[in-house]
C-alpha atoms as a PDB file:
ATOM      1  CA  MET A   1     -41.607 -77.823  24.232  1.00  0.00           C
ATOM      2  CA  GLU A   2     -44.869 -76.223  25.380  1.00  0.00           C
ATOM      3  CA  SER A   3     -46.525 -72.858  25.872  1.00  0.00           C
ATOM      4  CA  GLY A   4     -44.861 -70.588  28.414  1.00  0.00           C
ATOM      5  CA  THR A   5     -46.634 -68.652  31.140  1.00  0.00           C
ATOM      6  CA  VAL A   6     -46.397 -65.287  29.368  1.00  0.00           C
ATOM      7  CA  ALA A   7     -47.479 -64.216  25.898  1.00  0.00           C
ATOM      8  CA  GLY A   8     -44.862 -64.986  23.239  1.00  0.00           C
ATOM      9  CA  SER A   9     -42.972 -67.545  25.305  1.00  0.00           C
ATOM     10  CA  VAL A  10     -42.253 -71.274  25.381  1.00  0.00           C
ATOM     11  CA  ARG A  11     -40.767 -73.560  28.001  1.00  0.00           C
ATOM     12  CA  LEU A  12     -38.980 -76.881  27.941  1.00  0.00           C
ATOM     13  CA  VAL A  13     -40.306 -79.708  30.057  1.00  0.00           C
ATOM     14  CA  TYR A  14     -37.238 -81.930  30.254  1.00  0.00           C
ATOM     15  CA  GLU A  15     -35.068 -83.009  33.166  1.00  0.00           C
ATOM     16  CA  ALA A  16     -31.351 -83.443  32.511  1.00  0.00           C
ATOM     17  CA  VAL A  17     -29.818 -86.553  34.005  1.00  0.00           C
ATOM     18  CA  SER A  18     -27.956 -86.262  37.285  1.00  0.00           C
ATOM     19  CA  GLY A  19     -24.646 -84.454  36.865  1.00  0.00           C
ATOM     20  CA  ASN A  20     -25.737 -82.649  33.712  1.00  0.00           C
ATOM     21  CA  GLY A  21     -27.175 -79.209  33.016  1.00  0.00           C
ATOM     22  CA  LEU A  22     -29.074 -77.498  30.216  1.00  0.00           C
ATOM     23  CA  ARG A  23     -28.202 -74.565  27.970  1.00  0.00           C
ATOM     24  CA  PHE A  24     -30.220 -73.055  25.146  1.00  0.00           C
ATOM     25  CA  VAL A  25     -29.813 -70.808  22.114  1.00  0.00           C
ATOM     26  CA  HIS A  26     -32.655 -69.016  20.308  1.00  0.00           C
ATOM     27  CA  GLN A  27     -32.147 -68.141  16.624  1.00  0.00           C
ATOM     28  CA  PRO A  28     -34.153 -67.632  13.396  1.00  0.00           C
ATOM     29  CA  GLY A  29     -32.988 -70.745  11.517  1.00  0.00           C
ATOM     30  CA  PRO A  30     -31.788 -74.338  12.011  1.00  0.00           C
ATOM     31  CA  PHE A  31     -28.673 -75.302  13.978  1.00  0.00           C
ATOM     32  CA  VAL A  32     -25.610 -77.267  12.978  1.00  0.00           C
ATOM     33  CA  THR A  33     -25.677 -80.319  15.207  1.00  0.00           C
ATOM     34  CA  PRO A  34     -22.671 -80.281  17.551  1.00  0.00           C
ATOM     35  CA  LYS A  35     -20.532 -83.337  18.122  1.00  0.00           C
ATOM     36  CA  VAL A  36     -20.963 -85.241  21.359  1.00  0.00           C
ATOM     37  CA  GLY A  37     -18.121 -84.265  23.655  1.00  0.00           C
ATOM     38  CA  SER A  38     -17.562 -80.841  22.079  1.00  0.00           C
ATOM     39  CA  SER A  39     -17.520 -77.908  24.477  1.00  0.00           C
ATOM     40  CA  ALA A  40     -20.736 -75.953  24.974  1.00  0.00           C
ATOM     41  CA  ALA A  41     -19.772 -74.236  28.219  1.00  0.00           C
ATOM     42  CA  GLU A  42     -19.873 -70.790  26.590  1.00  0.00           C
ATOM     43  CA  ILE A  43     -22.808 -71.403  24.255  1.00  0.00           C
ATOM     44  CA  GLY A  44     -26.099 -69.598  24.862  1.00  0.00           C
ATOM     45  CA  SER A  45     -27.594 -69.336  28.333  1.00  0.00           C
ATOM     46  CA  GLU A  46     -28.125 -71.713  31.212  1.00  0.00           C
ATOM     47  CA  TYR A  47     -31.646 -73.090  31.391  1.00  0.00           C
ATOM     48  CA  GLU A  48     -33.774 -74.263  34.312  1.00  0.00           C
ATOM     49  CA  THR A  49     -36.485 -76.752  33.409  1.00  0.00           C
ATOM     50  CA  GLY A  50     -39.910 -75.088  33.154  1.00  0.00           C
ATOM     51  CA  ALA A  51     -38.574 -71.525  32.864  1.00  0.00           C
ATOM     52  CA  ASP A  52     -40.023 -69.257  30.179  1.00  0.00           C
ATOM     53  CA  ILE A  53     -38.040 -68.500  27.027  1.00  0.00           C
ATOM     54  CA  ARG A  54     -39.573 -65.193  25.973  1.00  0.00           C
ATOM     55  CA  GLY A  55     -39.830 -63.265  22.735  1.00  0.00           C
ATOM     56  CA  VAL A  56     -40.073 -66.219  20.362  1.00  0.00           C
ATOM     57  CA  TYR A  57     -41.997 -66.580  17.096  1.00  0.00           C
ATOM     58  CA  GLU A  58     -43.369 -69.374  14.945  1.00  0.00           C
ATOM     59  CA  GLY A  59     -40.697 -70.852  12.663  1.00  0.00           C
ATOM     60  CA  GLU A  60     -37.768 -69.877  14.878  1.00  0.00           C
ATOM     61  CA  HIS A  61     -35.492 -72.510  16.405  1.00  0.00           C
ATOM     62  CA  ILE A  62     -34.455 -73.330  19.953  1.00  0.00           C
ATOM     63  CA  GLY A  63     -31.237 -75.302  20.313  1.00  0.00           C
ATOM     64  CA  VAL A  64     -31.147 -77.266  23.575  1.00  0.00           C
ATOM     65  CA  TYR A  65     -27.779 -78.514  24.807  1.00  0.00           C
ATOM     66  CA  GLU A  66     -27.484 -81.054  27.613  1.00  0.00           C
ATOM     67  CA  VAL A  67     -23.954 -80.681  28.931  1.00  0.00           C
ATOM     68  CA  ASN A  68     -21.776 -82.275  31.554  1.00  0.00           C
ATOM     69  CA  ALA A  69     -21.926 -79.930  34.536  1.00  0.00           C
ATOM     70  CA  SER A  70     -18.233 -80.428  35.313  1.00  0.00           C
ATOM     71  CA  THR A  71     -16.650 -80.256  31.849  1.00  0.00           C
ATOM     72  CA  GLY A  72     -19.250 -78.388  29.770  1.00  0.00           C
ATOM     73  CA  ALA A  73     -19.066 -81.113  27.115  1.00  0.00           C
ATOM     74  CA  VAL A  74     -22.143 -81.807  24.988  1.00  0.00           C
ATOM     75  CA  VAL A  75     -23.999 -84.951  26.016  1.00  0.00           C
ATOM     76  CA  ARG A  76     -27.209 -84.508  24.018  1.00  0.00           C
ATOM     77  CA  PHE A  77     -28.568 -81.881  21.607  1.00  0.00           C
ATOM     78  CA  SER A  78     -31.971 -81.068  20.121  1.00  0.00           C
ATOM     79  CA  ASP A  79     -32.967 -78.516  17.464  1.00  0.00           C
ATOM     80  CA  ILE A  80     -36.622 -77.588  18.017  1.00  0.00           C
ATOM     81  CA  ALA A  81     -38.508 -75.709  15.277  1.00  0.00           C
ATOM     82  CA  LEU A  82     -41.229 -73.723  16.996  1.00  0.00           C
ATOM     83  CA  THR A  83     -44.872 -74.043  15.995  1.00  0.00           C
ATOM     84  CA  ALA A  84     -47.710 -71.641  16.805  1.00  0.00           C
ATOM     85  CA  ALA A  85     -49.273 -74.207  19.138  1.00  0.00           C
ATOM     86  CA  GLN A  86     -46.151 -74.198  21.331  1.00  0.00           C
ATOM     87  CA  ILE A  87     -46.058 -70.427  21.855  1.00  0.00           C
ATOM     88  CA  GLY A  88     -48.059 -68.743  24.609  1.00  0.00           C
ATOM     89  CA  VAL A  89     -51.013 -66.689  23.344  1.00  0.00           C
ATOM     90  CA  ALA A  90     -51.869 -63.487  25.227  1.00  0.00           C
ATOM     91  CA  ALA A  91     -54.881 -63.776  27.511  1.00  0.00           C
ATOM     92  CA  GLU A  92     -57.882 -61.804  26.309  1.00  0.00           C
ATOM     93  CA  GLN A  93     -57.981 -58.300  27.756  1.00  0.00           C
ATOM     94  CA  LEU A  94     -60.737 -57.261  30.131  1.00  0.00           C
ATOM     95  CA  LEU A  95     -62.893 -54.411  28.874  1.00  0.00           C
ATOM     96  CA  HIS A  96     -62.927 -51.120  30.773  1.00  0.00           C
ATOM     97  CA  THR A  97     -66.629 -51.687  31.390  1.00  0.00           C
ATOM     98  CA  GLN A  98     -65.796 -54.883  33.302  1.00  0.00           C
ATOM     99  CA  PHE A  99     -63.588 -53.340  35.985  1.00  0.00           C
ATOM    100  CA  TYR A 100     -63.201 -49.964  37.650  1.00  0.00           C
ATOM    101  CA  VAL A 101     -60.502 -48.789  40.052  1.00  0.00           C
ATOM    102  CA  SER A 102     -61.160 -46.170  42.723  1.00  0.00           C
ATOM    103  CA  ALA A 103     -60.002 -45.033  46.157  1.00  0.00           C
ATOM    104  CA  GLY A 104     -60.164 -47.542  48.994  1.00  0.00           C
ATOM    105  CA  SER A 105     -61.739 -46.918  52.378  1.00  0.00           C
ATOM    106  CA  VAL A 106     -58.492 -45.651  53.947  1.00  0.00           C
ATOM    107  CA  PRO A 107     -55.510 -43.688  52.585  1.00  0.00           C
ATOM    108  CA  GLY A 108     -52.925 -45.813  50.785  1.00  0.00           C
ATOM    109  CA  THR A 109     -55.508 -48.229  49.413  1.00  0.00           C
ATOM    110  CA  ALA A 110     -57.542 -48.684  46.253  1.00  0.00           C
ATOM    111  CA  LYS A 111     -60.406 -50.969  45.354  1.00  0.00           C
ATOM    112  CA  LEU A 112     -61.698 -52.670  42.236  1.00  0.00           C
ATOM    113  CA  THR A 113     -65.318 -52.814  41.210  1.00  0.00           C
ATOM    114  CA  LEU A 114     -65.647 -55.943  39.077  1.00  0.00           C
ATOM    115  CA  VAL A 115     -68.384 -57.684  37.147  1.00  0.00           C
ATOM    116  CA  ASN A 116     -69.407 -61.200  38.140  1.00  0.00           C
ATOM    117  CA  PRO A 117     -66.551 -63.472  36.970  1.00  0.00           C
ATOM    118  CA  SER A 118     -69.043 -65.820  35.327  1.00  0.00           C
ATOM    119  CA  SER A 119     -69.907 -63.032  32.868  1.00  0.00           C
ATOM    120  CA  VAL A 120     -66.398 -63.325  31.389  1.00  0.00           C
ATOM    121  CA  GLY A 121     -66.339 -67.117  31.496  1.00  0.00           C
ATOM    122  CA  ALA A 122     -64.331 -67.339  34.717  1.00  0.00           C
ATOM    123  CA  GLU A 123     -64.746 -68.791  38.194  1.00  0.00           C
ATOM    124  CA  LYS A 124     -63.112 -66.049  40.277  1.00  0.00           C
ATOM    125  CA  TRP A 125     -60.888 -62.981  40.394  1.00  0.00           C
ATOM    126  CA  ARG A 126     -57.233 -62.863  41.426  1.00  0.00           C
ATOM    127  CA  ILE A 127     -54.910 -59.877  41.809  1.00  0.00           C
ATOM    128  CA  ARG A 128     -51.262 -59.041  42.403  1.00  0.00           C
ATOM    129  CA  THR A 129     -49.589 -55.650  42.982  1.00  0.00           C
ATOM    130  CA  VAL A 130     -46.325 -54.939  41.143  1.00  0.00           C
ATOM    131  CA  GLY A 131     -43.892 -52.112  40.497  1.00  0.00           C
ATOM    132  CA  GLU A 132     -44.155 -52.333  36.715  1.00  0.00           C
ATOM    133  CA  ASN A 133     -46.062 -54.302  34.133  1.00  0.00           C
ATOM    134  CA  VAL A 134     -43.362 -56.382  32.459  1.00  0.00           C
ATOM    135  CA  TYR A 135     -45.454 -58.993  30.661  1.00  0.00           C
ATOM    136  CA  THR A 136     -48.897 -60.176  29.611  1.00  0.00           C
ATOM    137  CA  PRO A 137     -49.812 -63.665  30.861  1.00  0.00           C
ATOM    138  CA  ALA A 138     -50.560 -66.407  28.396  1.00  0.00           C
ATOM    139  CA  SER A 139     -54.101 -67.689  28.191  1.00  0.00           C
ATOM    140  CA  GLY A 140     -54.416 -70.691  30.496  1.00  0.00           C
ATOM    141  CA  ALA A 141     -51.234 -69.897  32.428  1.00  0.00           C
ATOM    142  CA  PHE A 142     -51.181 -70.126  36.220  1.00  0.00           C
ATOM    143  CA  PHE A 143     -51.678 -66.696  37.810  1.00  0.00           C
ATOM    144  CA  ASP A 144     -49.615 -66.138  40.936  1.00  0.00           C
ATOM    145  CA  GLY A 145     -51.636 -63.830  43.188  1.00  0.00           C
ATOM    146  CA  VAL A 146     -54.434 -63.803  45.754  1.00  0.00           C
ATOM    147  CA  ASP A 147     -58.166 -64.330  45.403  1.00  0.00           C
ATOM    148  CA  TYR A 148     -60.106 -61.066  45.344  1.00  0.00           C
ATOM    149  CA  ALA A 149     -63.730 -60.028  45.913  1.00  0.00           C
ATOM    150  CA  SER A 150     -65.074 -56.872  44.282  1.00  0.00           C
ATOM    151  CA  GLY A 151     -64.875 -53.835  46.570  1.00  0.00           C
ATOM    152  CA  GLN A 152     -62.132 -55.063  48.916  1.00  0.00           C
ATOM    153  CA  ASP A 153     -59.316 -52.669  49.846  1.00  0.00           C
ATOM    154  CA  ILE A 154     -55.958 -53.249  48.130  1.00  0.00           C
ATOM    155  CA  ASP A 155     -52.800 -51.955  49.814  1.00  0.00           C
ATOM    156  CA  LEU A 156     -50.663 -49.872  47.444  1.00  0.00           C
ATOM    157  CA  ASP A 157     -47.309 -48.149  47.880  1.00  0.00           C
ATOM    158  CA  THR A 158     -44.742 -46.373  45.711  1.00  0.00           C
ATOM    159  CA  GLU A 159     -42.947 -49.668  45.001  1.00  0.00           C
ATOM    160  CA  HIS A 160     -46.152 -51.496  44.024  1.00  0.00           C
ATOM    161  CA  PRO A 161     -48.496 -48.962  42.360  1.00  0.00           C
ATOM    162  CA  LEU A 162     -49.968 -51.295  39.708  1.00  0.00           C
ATOM    163  CA  ILE A 163     -52.685 -53.919  40.143  1.00  0.00           C
ATOM    164  CA  LEU A 164     -52.622 -56.982  37.890  1.00  0.00           C
ATOM    165  CA  VAL A 165     -56.170 -58.326  37.575  1.00  0.00           C
ATOM    166  CA  ALA A 166     -56.968 -61.804  36.280  1.00  0.00           C
ATOM    167  CA  ALA A 167     -60.230 -63.633  35.748  1.00  0.00           C
ATOM    168  CA  THR A 168     -59.293 -67.275  36.321  1.00  0.00           C
ATOM    169  CA  ASP A 169     -60.726 -70.758  36.424  1.00  0.00           C
ATOM    170  CA  ALA A 170     -60.901 -72.788  39.632  1.00  0.00           C
ATOM    171  CA  ASP A 171     -57.232 -73.798  39.200  1.00  0.00           C
ATOM    172  CA  ASN A 172     -56.069 -70.155  39.004  1.00  0.00           C
ATOM    173  CA  ARG A 173     -55.407 -70.297  35.262  1.00  0.00           C
ATOM    174  CA  VAL A 174     -55.879 -67.051  33.361  1.00  0.00           C
ATOM    175  CA  ILE A 175     -58.938 -66.514  31.185  1.00  0.00           C
ATOM    176  CA  ARG A 176     -58.912 -62.703  30.980  1.00  0.00           C
ATOM    177  CA  TYR A 177     -56.479 -60.109  32.199  1.00  0.00           C
ATOM    178  CA  ALA A 178     -55.933 -56.367  32.759  1.00  0.00           C
ATOM    179  CA  VAL A 179     -53.606 -53.895  34.438  1.00  0.00           C
ATOM    180  CA  ALA A 180     -55.353 -51.413  36.747  1.00  0.00           C
ATOM    181  CA  VAL A 181     -53.660 -48.135  37.610  1.00  0.00           C
ATOM    182  CA  TYR A 182     -54.907 -46.044  40.509  1.00  0.00           C
ATOM    183  CA  ILE A 183     -53.741 -42.432  40.619  1.00  0.00           C
ATOM    184  CA  PRO A 184     -54.906 -40.984  43.941  1.00  0.00           C
ATOM    185  CA  GLU A 185     -56.433 -37.551  44.009  1.00  0.00           C
ATOM    186  CA  PRO A 186     -54.376 -34.935  45.855  1.00  0.00           C
ATOM    187  CA  ALA A 187     -55.382 -34.662  49.501  1.00  0.00           C
ATOM    188  CA  VAL A 188     -58.099 -32.087  50.074  1.00  0.00           C
ATOM    189  CA  GLU A 189     -56.683 -28.955  51.682  1.00  0.00           C
ATOM    190  CA  VAL A 190     -58.662 -26.324  53.594  1.00  0.00           C
ATOM    191  CA  THR A 191     -57.450 -22.739  53.250  1.00  0.00           C
ATOM    192  CA  LEU A 192     -58.551 -19.505  54.865  1.00  0.00           C
ATOM    193  CA  GLY A 193     -59.839 -16.896  52.442  1.00  0.00           C
ATOM    194  CA  PRO A 194     -58.838 -13.195  52.540  1.00  0.00           C
ATOM    195  CA  LEU A 195     -59.501 -11.538  55.920  1.00  0.00           C
ATOM    196  CA  HIS A 196     -60.499  -7.874  55.999  1.00  0.00           C
ATOM    197  CA  ALA A 197     -60.260  -5.388  58.849  1.00  0.00           C
ATOM    198  CA  GLY A 198     -63.472  -4.113  60.341  1.00  0.00           C
ATOM    199  CA  VAL A 199     -65.538  -7.212  59.605  1.00  0.00           C
ATOM    200  CA  GLY A 200     -66.282 -10.448  61.472  1.00  0.00           C
ATOM    201  CA  GLN A 201     -66.475 -12.940  58.652  1.00  0.00           C
ATOM    202  CA  LEU A 202     -64.145 -15.628  57.355  1.00  0.00           C
ATOM    203  CA  SER A 203     -64.275 -18.184  54.569  1.00  0.00           C
ATOM    204  CA  LEU A 204     -62.882 -21.724  54.510  1.00  0.00           C
ATOM    205  CA  ARG A 205     -62.322 -23.102  51.022  1.00  0.00           C
ATOM    206  CA  ALA A 206     -61.740 -26.802  50.255  1.00  0.00           C
ATOM    207  CA  SER A 207     -59.437 -27.678  47.353  1.00  0.00           C
ATOM    208  CA  GLY A 208     -61.499 -30.771  46.519  1.00  0.00           C
ATOM    209  CA  GLU A 209     -64.930 -32.285  46.950  1.00  0.00           C
ATOM    210  CA  LEU A 210     -66.103 -32.857  50.518  1.00  0.00           C
ATOM    211  CA  HIS A 211     -68.355 -35.584  51.879  1.00  0.00           C
ATOM    212  CA  ALA A 212     -72.017 -34.823  52.558  1.00  0.00           C
ATOM    213  CA  ASP A 213     -71.364 -35.490  56.256  1.00  0.00           C
ATOM    214  CA  THR A 214     -69.255 -32.319  56.223  1.00  0.00           C
ATOM    215  CA  THR A 215     -71.167 -30.074  53.829  1.00  0.00           C
ATOM    216  CA  SER A 216     -74.441 -30.695  55.681  1.00  0.00           C
ATOM    217  CA  LEU A 217     -73.095 -29.199  58.934  1.00  0.00           C
ATOM    218  CA  THR A 218     -74.731 -25.904  59.902  1.00  0.00           C
ATOM    219  CA  ASN A 219     -73.360 -25.315  63.404  1.00  0.00           C
ATOM    220  CA  THR A 220     -69.909 -23.789  63.665  1.00  0.00           C
ATOM    221  CA  ALA A 221     -69.210 -25.833  66.806  1.00  0.00           C
ATOM    222  CA  ASP A 222     -69.642 -29.027  64.750  1.00  0.00           C
ATOM    223  CA  LEU A 223     -67.187 -27.811  62.123  1.00  0.00           C
ATOM    224  CA  LEU A 224     -64.527 -25.875  64.052  1.00  0.00           C
ATOM    225  CA  GLU A 225     -62.738 -26.585  67.314  1.00  0.00           C
ATOM    226  CA  SER A 226     -61.590 -23.019  67.945  1.00  0.00           C
ATOM    227  CA  ILE A 227     -60.886 -19.621  66.396  1.00  0.00           C
ATOM    228  CA  SER A 228     -57.941 -17.509  67.541  1.00  0.00           C
ATOM    229  CA  ILE A 229     -57.791 -13.821  66.581  1.00  0.00           C
ATOM    230  CA  GLY A 230     -54.559 -12.007  67.364  1.00  0.00           C
ATOM    231  CA  GLY A 231     -53.570 -14.716  69.829  1.00  0.00           C
ATOM    232  CA  GLU A 232     -56.850 -14.558  71.740  1.00  0.00           C
ATOM    233  CA  SER A 233     -59.614 -17.115  71.682  1.00  0.00           C
ATOM    234  CA  ALA A 234     -63.124 -16.848  73.042  1.00  0.00           C
ATOM    235  CA  PRO A 235     -65.637 -19.721  73.198  1.00  0.00           C
ATOM    236  CA  GLY A 236     -68.379 -17.258  72.405  1.00  0.00           C
ATOM    237  CA  TRP A 237     -67.021 -16.737  68.912  1.00  0.00           C
ATOM    238  CA  ILE A 238     -67.801 -20.360  68.122  1.00  0.00           C
ATOM    239  CA  GLN A 239     -71.116 -20.523  69.961  1.00  0.00           C
ATOM    240  CA  SER A 240     -72.555 -17.301  68.516  1.00  0.00           C
ATOM    241  CA  SER A 241     -71.389 -17.813  64.924  1.00  0.00           C
ATOM    242  CA  PHE A 242     -73.041 -19.722  62.117  1.00  0.00           C
ATOM    243  CA  VAL A 243     -71.898 -21.239  58.815  1.00  0.00           C
ATOM    244  CA  ILE A 244     -73.223 -21.300  55.264  1.00  0.00           C
ATOM    245  CA  TRP A 245     -72.008 -23.854  52.692  1.00  0.00           C
ATOM    246  CA  ASP A 246     -71.510 -22.555  49.149  1.00  0.00           C
ATOM    247  CA  SER A 247     -71.335 -25.576  46.839  1.00  0.00           C
ATOM    248  CA  MET A 248     -70.409 -23.453  43.810  1.00  0.00           C
ATOM    249  CA  THR A 249     -67.071 -22.448  45.351  1.00  0.00           C
ATOM    250  CA  SER A 250     -66.624 -25.332  47.845  1.00  0.00           C
ATOM    251  CA  THR A 251     -66.494 -22.758  50.620  1.00  0.00           C
ATOM    252  CA  PHE A 252     -67.881 -22.452  54.137  1.00  0.00           C
ATOM    253  CA  LEU A 253     -68.774 -18.858  55.068  1.00  0.00           C
ATOM    254  CA  VAL A 254     -68.509 -18.260  58.819  1.00  0.00           C
ATOM    255  CA  GLN A 255     -70.204 -15.230  60.374  1.00  0.00           C
ATOM    256  CA  LEU A 256     -68.771 -14.029  63.724  1.00  0.00           C
ATOM    257  CA  PRO A 257     -71.223 -11.498  65.224  1.00  0.00           C
ATOM    258  CA  GLU A 258     -69.110 -11.058  68.381  1.00  0.00           C
ATOM    259  CA  ALA A 259     -65.717 -10.597  66.681  1.00  0.00           C
ATOM    260  CA  THR A 260     -64.146  -7.938  64.487  1.00  0.00           C
ATOM    261  CA  PHE A 261     -60.805  -8.230  62.729  1.00  0.00           C
ATOM    262  CA  ALA A 262     -58.077  -5.592  62.955  1.00  0.00           C
ATOM    263  CA  SER A 263     -55.386  -5.061  60.344  1.00  0.00           C
ATOM    264  CA  GLY A 264     -52.289  -7.217  60.866  1.00  0.00           C
ATOM    265  CA  GLN A 265     -53.928  -9.715  63.218  1.00  0.00           C
ATOM    266  CA  THR A 266     -53.245 -13.415  62.665  1.00  0.00           C
ATOM    267  CA  VAL A 267     -56.346 -15.588  62.585  1.00  0.00           C
ATOM    268  CA  VAL A 268     -55.920 -19.316  63.295  1.00  0.00           C
ATOM    269  CA  VAL A 269     -58.823 -21.697  62.736  1.00  0.00           C
ATOM    270  CA  THR A 270     -58.596 -25.171  64.306  1.00  0.00           C
ATOM    271  CA  LEU A 271     -60.722 -27.763  62.522  1.00  0.00           C
ATOM    272  CA  LYS A 272     -63.025 -30.057  64.488  1.00  0.00           C
ATOM    273  CA  PRO A 273     -61.417 -33.526  64.674  1.00  0.00           C
ATOM    274  CA  GLY A 274     -63.272 -36.004  62.473  1.00  0.00           C
ATOM    275  CA  ALA A 275     -65.642 -33.391  61.026  1.00  0.00           C
ATOM    276  CA  TRP A 276     -63.830 -32.725  57.759  1.00  0.00           C
ATOM    277  CA  LYS A 277     -64.044 -35.611  55.282  1.00  0.00           C
ATOM    278  CA  ASP A 278     -63.206 -35.886  51.609  1.00  0.00           C
ATOM    279  CA  VAL A 279     -65.728 -37.268  49.126  1.00  0.00           C
ATOM    280  CA  SER A 280     -64.602 -40.860  49.843  1.00  0.00           C
ATOM    281  CA  GLY A 281     -65.389 -40.411  53.537  1.00  0.00           C
ATOM    282  CA  ALA A 282     -61.738 -40.317  54.636  1.00  0.00           C
ATOM    283  CA  VAL A 283     -61.071 -37.840  57.449  1.00  0.00           C
ATOM    284  CA  LEU A 284     -58.691 -35.036  56.484  1.00  0.00           C
ATOM    285  CA  GLU A 285     -55.324 -35.139  58.234  1.00  0.00           C
ATOM    286  CA  GLN A 286     -55.148 -31.336  58.280  1.00  0.00           C
ATOM    287  CA  THR A 287     -55.814 -29.831  61.713  1.00  0.00           C
ATOM    288  CA  SER A 288     -55.806 -26.059  61.179  1.00  0.00           C
ATOM    289  CA  CYS A 289     -55.333 -23.153  58.783  1.00  0.00           C
ATOM    290  CA  ALA A 290     -54.331 -19.517  59.275  1.00  0.00           C
ATOM    291  CA  GLY A 291     -54.236 -16.097  57.628  1.00  0.00           C
ATOM    292  CA  VAL A 292     -53.387 -12.440  58.300  1.00  0.00           C
ATOM    293  CA  VAL A 293     -56.001  -9.681  58.309  1.00  0.00           C
ATOM    294  CA  GLU A 294     -55.552  -7.201  55.488  1.00  0.00           C
ATOM    295  CA  LEU A 295     -56.212  -3.480  55.730  1.00  0.00           C
ATOM    296  CA  THR A 296     -59.450  -2.805  53.959  1.00  0.00           C
ATOM    297  CA  VAL A 297     -59.127   0.328  51.831  1.00  0.00           C
ATOM    298  CA  PRO A 298     -62.503   1.832  50.938  1.00  0.00           C
ATOM    299  CA  PRO A 299     -62.949   2.278  47.212  1.00  0.00           C
ATOM    300  CA  VAL A 300     -62.497   5.790  45.829  1.00  0.00           C
ATOM    301  CA  ILE A 301     -65.786   6.994  44.406  1.00  0.00           C
ATOM    302  CA  PRO A 302     -65.269   9.659  41.696  1.00  0.00           C
ATOM    303  CA  PRO A 303     -67.222  12.913  42.239  1.00  0.00           C
ATOM    304  CA  ILE A 304     -70.468  13.298  40.395  1.00  0.00           C
ATOM    305  CA  PRO A 305     -70.088  16.041  37.745  1.00  0.00           C
ATOM    306  CA  PRO A 306     -72.466  19.041  38.178  1.00  0.00           C
ATOM    307  CA  ILE A 307     -75.684  19.013  36.243  1.00  0.00           C
ATOM    308  CA  PRO A 308     -75.581  21.728  33.545  1.00  0.00           C
ATOM    309  CA  PRO A 309     -78.268  24.466  33.877  1.00  0.00           C
ATOM    310  CA  ILE A 310     -81.448  23.994  31.956  1.00  0.00           C
ATOM    311  CA  PRO A 311     -81.759  26.718  29.257  1.00  0.00           C
ATOM    312  CA  PRO A 312     -84.853  28.991  29.573  1.00  0.00           C
ATOM    313  CA  ILE A 313     -87.888  28.052  27.599  1.00  0.00           C
ATOM    314  CA  PRO A 314     -88.537  30.681  24.855  1.00  0.00           C
ATOM    315  CA  PRO A 315     -91.918  32.518  25.093  1.00  0.00           C
ATOM    316  CA  ILE A 316     -94.785  31.083  23.161  1.00  0.00           C
ATOM    317  CA  PRO A 317     -95.726  33.421  20.262  1.00  0.00           C
ATOM    318  CA  PRO A 318     -99.323  34.798  20.337  1.00  0.00           C
ATOM    319  CA  ILE A 319    -101.920  32.872  18.449  1.00  0.00           C
ATOM    320  CA  PRO A 320    -103.182  34.967  15.488  1.00  0.00           C
ATOM    321  CA  GLN A 321    -106.882  35.891  15.602  1.00  0.00           C
ATOM    322  CA  ILE A 322    -109.246  34.524  13.040  1.00  0.00           C
ATOM    323  CA  PRO A 323    -110.839  37.400  11.025  1.00  0.00           C
ATOM    324  CA  PRO A 324    -114.632  37.673  11.183  1.00  0.00           C
ATOM    325  CA  VAL A 325    -116.598  36.162   8.321  1.00  0.00           C
END
C-alpha cells in the first residue's frame, strides 16, 4: 500500500494472478479473516491495481480480497492497517501573490501571470481545465496536464471554467497547487444617450472601461462609420462633427453642427469597425446603437414677484440753534 495521487488517498500496488480479480473493503477496525474458497463476489468493490482509494485515515483498515474471477471464491486476503506514511498528503497551496488570473488576448480565453517556478521550489508550471474541482492532488503525485508559460492564453468554455495550476518537478510531480477561477467581465456595451429636439448633439456611453486606443480618438470619422437621422444619412455630418471624451462618465460627446434633431426621429449610429476596444484591447462585437429623439419641453420659469414700493423718507427735523454766549 502506498500514497495515492490525491490528498487523503492510498493505492494498492499488487497484481492479481491470471484469472483472478481484486476487491476491497474500507472500514474503521480490523477484519475477520475469511476462509479460502468462501464467496466474496458481493463483498466491497472491485479494485483495479494502482487506482486511488479515497477518504481514508490513519488507523483505518483496508481489506483486500483476491478472488477467482469465475466463481468469486476467495483465493488470498490481506488486512492492511493504514499508517500516516501511506496516505497522500495535500500539496502545499500556492499563495495568491504567486499567481493571478485575468482575461486572455481574445474572447473565451484567460491567462495566468505566474512567478518563476524556481521561487516555489519547482521546475515548471502545468495546467488543466476542468468542470469542477473534485480533489486536491497529493504532494509528489503525477499531474496530468500540459506545460504552461506565464501569460499564454488558456481556452475556457462553460464545461471547463476552472484552471488547475500545479508547480511541478521535471517529472511532472506536484510541489504546489491552486485552483484559478476566471469570471469574465460583461461585454462592454455602447448606448446612445437621450436625444433632444432642436439640438445637434449626441452622447455615446460605454458600460465598461475602454482601451486608450479608443478614448484617444478625436475625429468622429475615426470613431463612427455613419449617423442616420430619421432614415437619412449625410457624409457631412461625420466630416463636420467632432468628439470629446469624458472619462468621468465613460462617454463620448459628439457635436453635429450641420444636423438638428426633430421630435420622434430615430437616430442610428454605426460604430467604426475595429475602433471600439475594451480595456483588454479586444474589439467590441457591437456594430451600432440607436435612440428616438424626445420632445424638449422648455422649463417653466415662475414669474418674478413685483418689488414692493419704497416708503417715503420722513423729513429731517431742523437742527436747533445754539444760543449766544
